[in-house]
Amino acid sequence: MKNYTVSVIIETKPELDDPEGDVILKNLILKKNSNVLKIRTSKILNFVIREKNQQTAKSVVNKLCDELRLYNKIVSTITIDVAN
């Protein structure tokens, strides 16, 4: 068994509005940083998990995210990355 760091990025689906990103963008425009065209926000969860391999670690974390409802499948997507 080995320890793996598993990162889960939770993002609003691209076809949906991102109100938090819009507020940040509006504040940047007010401060004259008009070169920024769009901002999308996300949340990162970092797990350290002990499993037999990377694939199992990814699968276990994916299952935890679903079972614990750590994100809303209707409005969000997740990306899972495993590091040694």
Protein backbone atom coordinates (compact mmCIF):
# COMPACT_ATOMS: atom_id res chain seq x y z
CA MET A 1 0.00 0.00 0.00
CA LYS A 2 1.18 3.47 -0.84
CA ASN A 3 0.05 7.04 -0.10
CA TYR A 4 -1.36 9.00 -3.00
CA THR A 5 -2.41 12.63 -3.22
CA VAL A 6 -5.65 12.86 -5.14
CA SER A 7 -6.86 16.27 -6.30
CA VAL A 8 -10.49 16.83 -7.19
CA ILE A 9 -11.30 19.98 -9.14
CA ILE A 10 -14.97 20.97 -8.97
CA GLU A 11 -16.08 23.37 -11.69
CA THR A 12 -19.39 24.79 -12.80
CA LYS A 13 -20.38 23.27 -16.14
CA PRO A 14 -19.14 25.50 -18.98
CA GLU A 15 -22.61 26.08 -20.38
CA LEU A 16 -23.82 27.53 -17.07
CA ASP A 17 -23.20 30.98 -15.63
CA ASP A 18 -20.52 31.40 -12.98
CA PRO A 19 -21.76 34.27 -10.77
CA GLU A 20 -18.63 34.29 -8.61
CA GLY A 21 -16.39 34.53 -11.67
CA ASP A 22 -18.62 37.28 -13.08
CA VAL A 23 -18.26 39.36 -9.90
CA ILE A 24 -14.46 39.00 -10.00
CA LEU A 25 -14.43 39.98 -13.67
CA LYS A 26 -16.59 43.05 -13.05
CA ASN A 27 -14.26 44.19 -10.27
CA LEU A 28 -11.25 43.77 -12.56
CA ILE A 29 -12.94 45.82 -15.28
CA LEU A 30 -13.72 48.56 -12.75
CA LYS A 31 -10.02 48.65 -11.90
CA LYS A 32 -9.17 49.13 -15.60
CA ASN A 33 -7.88 45.60 -16.23
CA SER A 34 -9.97 45.22 -19.36
CA ASN A 35 -7.65 42.67 -21.02
CA VAL A 36 -9.24 39.91 -18.92
CA LEU A 37 -12.20 38.54 -20.88
CA LYS A 38 -13.57 35.76 -18.70
CA ILE A 39 -13.04 34.18 -15.29
CA ARG A 40 -14.35 30.79 -14.16
CA THR A 41 -14.04 29.76 -10.54
CA SER A 42 -13.47 26.28 -9.16
CA LYS A 43 -12.82 24.46 -5.92
CA ILE A 44 -9.98 22.00 -5.28
CA LEU A 45 -10.17 19.21 -2.73
CA ASN A 46 -6.90 17.40 -1.94
CA PHE A 47 -7.12 13.93 -0.45
CA VAL A 48 -4.21 11.87 0.85
CA ILE A 49 -5.23 8.26 0.60
CA ARG A 50 -3.50 4.94 1.13
CA GLU A 51 -4.28 2.43 -1.62
CA LYS A 52 -2.61 -0.32 -3.61
CA ASN A 53 -2.31 1.70 -6.84
CA GLN A 54 -3.18 5.02 -8.50
CA GLN A 55 -6.26 3.71 -10.27
CA THR A 56 -7.76 2.37 -7.05
CA ALA A 57 -7.00 5.65 -5.25
CA LYS A 58 -8.75 7.60 -8.02
CA SER A 59 -11.73 5.25 -8.01
CA VAL A 60 -12.15 5.41 -4.21
CA VAL A 61 -12.03 9.22 -4.19
CA ASN A 62 -14.48 9.41 -7.09
CA LYS A 63 -16.86 7.13 -5.17
CA LEU A 64 -16.47 9.27 -2.02
CA CYS A 65 -17.28 12.42 -3.97
CA ASP A 66 -20.44 10.82 -5.33
CA GLU A 67 -21.60 9.17 -2.10
CA LEU A 68 -20.93 12.19 0.09
CA ARG A 69 -22.38 14.53 -2.54
CA LEU A 70 -19.32 16.75 -2.46
CA TYR A 71 -20.49 18.35 -5.69
CA ASN A 72 -23.78 18.85 -7.49
CA LYS A 73 -23.79 16.68 -10.63
CA ILE A 74 -26.46 18.86 -12.21
CA VAL A 75 -24.38 22.05 -12.24
CA SER A 76 -20.80 20.87 -11.71
CA THR A 77 -18.18 18.60 -13.21
CA ILE A 78 -15.18 17.08 -11.49
CA THR A 79 -11.68 16.33 -12.69
CA ILE A 80 -9.64 13.89 -10.63
CA ASP A 81 -5.84 13.80 -10.74
CA VAL A 82 -3.59 11.41 -8.81
CA ALA A 83 0.00 12.19 -7.82
CA ASN A 84 2.46 9.89 -6.07
